[in-house]
């Protein structure tokens, strides 16, 4: 019988395994991405101090469109671009990407591509 049965428990286990090797600093924050069924969230975290330096998600007013219910790959890319702009205003050029146990595919990958498109080295 498997120890971790649900999809969420398996993702948590992968996330813990990833986090053993990834740590964000003030100069090179960790970009944590979370994908729910409806939205995409991304935030830059300084793990040394435990502070969030910048954040972006599809919940913001700029992403609200009448009739749209769920996030798409294109919106996820725009979230990455918006987060990159916010990091650039703080002078941050490099970051570590934390996929949080999700596959590096679809919306998670689009966030990373959006960051790279705006000049953040991930």
C-alpha atoms as a PDB file:
ATOM      1  CA  UNK A   1       0.000   0.000   0.000  1.00  0.00           C
ATOM      2  CA  UNK A   2       1.503   3.369  -0.982  1.00  0.00           C
ATOM      3  CA  UNK A   3       2.411   5.695   1.817  1.00  0.00           C
ATOM      4  CA  UNK A   4       1.370   8.870  -0.016  1.00  0.00           C
ATOM      5  CA  UNK A   5      -1.972   8.292  -1.691  1.00  0.00           C
ATOM      6  CA  UNK A   6      -3.449  11.570  -2.798  1.00  0.00           C
ATOM      7  CA  UNK A   7      -2.138  13.754  -5.588  1.00  0.00           C
ATOM      8  CA  UNK A   8      -1.597  16.591  -3.118  1.00  0.00           C
ATOM      9  CA  UNK A   9       0.446  14.414  -0.763  1.00  0.00           C
ATOM     10  CA  UNK A  10       2.662  13.303  -3.639  1.00  0.00           C
ATOM     11  CA  UNK A  11       3.194  16.945  -4.666  1.00  0.00           C
ATOM     12  CA  UNK A  12       4.072  17.894  -1.081  1.00  0.00           C
ATOM     13  CA  UNK A  13       6.603  15.090  -0.974  1.00  0.00           C
ATOM     14  CA  UNK A  14       8.223  16.271  -4.240  1.00  0.00           C
ATOM     15  CA  UNK A  15       8.203  19.843  -2.947  1.00  0.00           C
ATOM     16  CA  UNK A  16      10.033  18.875   0.235  1.00  0.00           C
ATOM     17  CA  UNK A  17      12.609  16.992  -1.825  1.00  0.00           C
ATOM     18  CA  UNK A  18      13.161  20.032  -4.054  1.00  0.00           C
ATOM     19  CA  UNK A  19      13.353  22.473  -1.127  1.00  0.00           C
ATOM     20  CA  UNK A  20      16.244  20.562   0.424  1.00  0.00           C
ATOM     21  CA  UNK A  21      18.424  21.865  -2.408  1.00  0.00           C
ATOM     22  CA  UNK A  22      16.954  25.307  -3.115  1.00  0.00           C
ATOM     23  CA  UNK A  23      17.314  28.402  -0.962  1.00  0.00           C
ATOM     24  CA  UNK A  24      16.652  32.028  -1.814  1.00  0.00           C
ATOM     25  CA  UNK A  25      18.732  34.997  -0.694  1.00  0.00           C
ATOM     26  CA  UNK A  26      18.214  38.741  -0.933  1.00  0.00           C
ATOM     27  CA  UNK A  27      20.470  38.908  -4.001  1.00  0.00           C
ATOM     28  CA  UNK A  28      19.039  35.759  -5.599  1.00  0.00           C
ATOM     29  CA  UNK A  29      15.516  35.092  -4.307  1.00  0.00           C
ATOM     30  CA  UNK A  30      13.556  31.886  -4.718  1.00  0.00           C
ATOM     31  CA  UNK A  31      10.670  32.205  -7.178  1.00  0.00           C
ATOM     32  CA  UNK A  32       7.922  30.003  -5.750  1.00  0.00           C
ATOM     33  CA  UNK A  33       5.093  29.118  -8.134  1.00  0.00           C
ATOM     34  CA  UNK A  34       1.739  27.732  -7.076  1.00  0.00           C
ATOM     35  CA  UNK A  35      -0.904  26.597  -9.523  1.00  0.00           C
ATOM     36  CA  UNK A  36      -4.449  26.096  -8.308  1.00  0.00           C
ATOM     37  CA  UNK A  37      -7.344  24.967 -10.451  1.00  0.00           C
ATOM     38  CA  UNK A  38      -8.273  28.571 -11.265  1.00  0.00           C
ATOM     39  CA  UNK A  39      -5.240  30.778 -10.653  1.00  0.00           C
ATOM     40  CA  UNK A  40      -1.456  30.984 -10.860  1.00  0.00           C
ATOM     41  CA  UNK A  41       0.578  32.611  -8.111  1.00  0.00           C
ATOM     42  CA  UNK A  42       4.289  33.495  -8.094  1.00  0.00           C
ATOM     43  CA  UNK A  43       6.360  35.178  -5.432  1.00  0.00           C
ATOM     44  CA  UNK A  44      10.009  36.001  -4.860  1.00  0.00           C
ATOM     45  CA  UNK A  45      11.142  34.935  -1.398  1.00  0.00           C
ATOM     46  CA  UNK A  46      14.264  35.735   0.627  1.00  0.00           C
ATOM     47  CA  UNK A  47      14.545  32.569   2.726  1.00  0.00           C
ATOM     48  CA  UNK A  48      17.327  33.954   4.922  1.00  0.00           C
ATOM     49  CA  UNK A  49      15.018  36.613   6.380  1.00  0.00           C
ATOM     50  CA  UNK A  50      11.732  34.884   5.605  1.00  0.00           C
ATOM     51  CA  UNK A  51      10.389  37.817   3.569  1.00  0.00           C
ATOM     52  CA  UNK A  52       8.460  37.989   0.333  1.00  0.00           C
ATOM     53  CA  UNK A  53      10.184  40.525  -1.916  1.00  0.00           C
ATOM     54  CA  UNK A  54       7.580  40.662  -4.692  1.00  0.00           C
ATOM     55  CA  UNK A  55       4.500  38.751  -5.783  1.00  0.00           C
ATOM     56  CA  UNK A  56       2.126  38.476  -8.729  1.00  0.00           C
ATOM     57  CA  UNK A  57      -0.925  36.377  -9.499  1.00  0.00           C
ATOM     58  CA  UNK A  58      -3.887  36.103 -11.815  1.00  0.00           C
ATOM     59  CA  UNK A  59      -6.079  37.460  -9.012  1.00  0.00           C
ATOM     60  CA  UNK A  60      -4.870  41.009  -9.689  1.00  0.00           C
ATOM     61  CA  UNK A  61      -7.139  43.506 -11.426  1.00  0.00           C
ATOM     62  CA  UNK A  62      -4.952  43.646 -14.527  1.00  0.00           C
ATOM     63  CA  UNK A  63      -5.776  39.991 -15.252  1.00  0.00           C
ATOM     64  CA  UNK A  64      -9.510  40.127 -14.623  1.00  0.00           C
ATOM     65  CA  UNK A  65     -11.482  39.691 -17.826  1.00  0.00           C
ATOM     66  CA  UNK A  66     -15.244  39.423 -18.017  1.00  0.00           C
ATOM     67  CA  UNK A  67     -16.313  35.838 -18.635  1.00  0.00           C
ATOM     68  CA  UNK A  68     -12.893  34.262 -17.989  1.00  0.00           C
ATOM     69  CA  UNK A  69     -12.831  31.820 -15.096  1.00  0.00           C
ATOM     70  CA  UNK A  70      -9.513  29.985 -15.222  1.00  0.00           C
ATOM     71  CA  UNK A  71      -5.891  30.910 -15.762  1.00  0.00           C
ATOM     72  CA  UNK A  72      -4.301  30.007 -19.085  1.00  0.00           C
ATOM     73  CA  UNK A  73      -0.731  29.481 -20.185  1.00  0.00           C
ATOM     74  CA  UNK A  74      -0.693  32.986 -21.679  1.00  0.00           C
ATOM     75  CA  UNK A  75      -1.880  34.541 -18.413  1.00  0.00           C
ATOM     76  CA  UNK A  76       0.769  32.559 -16.530  1.00  0.00           C
ATOM     77  CA  UNK A  77       3.415  34.030 -18.835  1.00  0.00           C
ATOM     78  CA  UNK A  78       2.087  37.516 -18.094  1.00  0.00           C
ATOM     79  CA  UNK A  79       2.295  36.772 -14.356  1.00  0.00           C
ATOM     80  CA  UNK A  80       5.984  35.920 -14.847  1.00  0.00           C
ATOM     81  CA  UNK A  81       6.558  39.137 -16.796  1.00  0.00           C
ATOM     82  CA  UNK A  82       4.815  41.223 -14.124  1.00  0.00           C
ATOM     83  CA  UNK A  83       6.880  39.602 -11.369  1.00  0.00           C
ATOM     84  CA  UNK A  84      10.047  40.243 -13.389  1.00  0.00           C
ATOM     85  CA  UNK A  85       9.169  43.942 -13.680  1.00  0.00           C
ATOM     86  CA  UNK A  86       8.626  44.161  -9.933  1.00  0.00           C
ATOM     87  CA  UNK A  87      11.959  42.462  -9.262  1.00  0.00           C
ATOM     88  CA  UNK A  88      13.753  44.730 -11.728  1.00  0.00           C
ATOM     89  CA  UNK A  89      12.587  47.811  -9.805  1.00  0.00           C
ATOM     90  CA  UNK A  90      14.353  46.329  -6.762  1.00  0.00           C
ATOM     91  CA  UNK A  91      17.523  45.705  -8.779  1.00  0.00           C
ATOM     92  CA  UNK A  92      17.262  41.917  -8.787  1.00  0.00           C
ATOM     93  CA  UNK A  93      18.602  40.257 -11.949  1.00  0.00           C
ATOM     94  CA  UNK A  94      18.974  36.595 -10.895  1.00  0.00           C
ATOM     95  CA  UNK A  95      16.680  34.149  -9.125  1.00  0.00           C
ATOM     96  CA  UNK A  96      16.242  30.483  -8.266  1.00  0.00           C
ATOM     97  CA  UNK A  97      13.114  28.811  -9.653  1.00  0.00           C
ATOM     98  CA  UNK A  98      11.042  26.644  -7.292  1.00  0.00           C
ATOM     99  CA  UNK A  99       8.371  24.665  -9.146  1.00  0.00           C
ATOM    100  CA  UNK A 100       6.888  23.504  -5.813  1.00  0.00           C
ATOM    101  CA  UNK A 101       6.469  19.882  -6.817  1.00  0.00           C
ATOM    102  CA  UNK A 102       4.590  20.666 -10.025  1.00  0.00           C
ATOM    103  CA  UNK A 103       5.819  19.428 -13.401  1.00  0.00           C
ATOM    104  CA  UNK A 104       7.898  21.982 -15.301  1.00  0.00           C
ATOM    105  CA  UNK A 105       5.218  22.114 -17.958  1.00  0.00           C
ATOM    106  CA  UNK A 106       2.331  24.324 -19.052  1.00  0.00           C
ATOM    107  CA  UNK A 107       1.563  27.201 -16.699  1.00  0.00           C
ATOM    108  CA  UNK A 108       4.580  26.616 -14.438  1.00  0.00           C
ATOM    109  CA  UNK A 109       6.900  26.698 -17.430  1.00  0.00           C
ATOM    110  CA  UNK A 110       5.137  29.786 -18.803  1.00  0.00           C
ATOM    111  CA  UNK A 111       5.831  31.709 -15.579  1.00  0.00           C
ATOM    112  CA  UNK A 112       9.526  30.851 -15.932  1.00  0.00           C
ATOM    113  CA  UNK A 113       9.541  31.886 -19.601  1.00  0.00           C
ATOM    114  CA  UNK A 114       7.886  35.191 -18.692  1.00  0.00           C
ATOM    115  CA  UNK A 115      10.624  35.874 -16.141  1.00  0.00           C
ATOM    116  CA  UNK A 116      13.328  35.058 -18.686  1.00  0.00           C
ATOM    117  CA  UNK A 117      11.679  37.207 -21.347  1.00  0.00           C
ATOM    118  CA  UNK A 118      11.948  40.260 -19.095  1.00  0.00           C
ATOM    119  CA  UNK A 119      15.621  39.665 -18.233  1.00  0.00           C
ATOM    120  CA  UNK A 120      15.601  37.672 -14.991  1.00  0.00           C
ATOM    121  CA  UNK A 121      18.163  34.868 -15.073  1.00  0.00           C
ATOM    122  CA  UNK A 122      16.417  31.796 -13.753  1.00  0.00           C
END
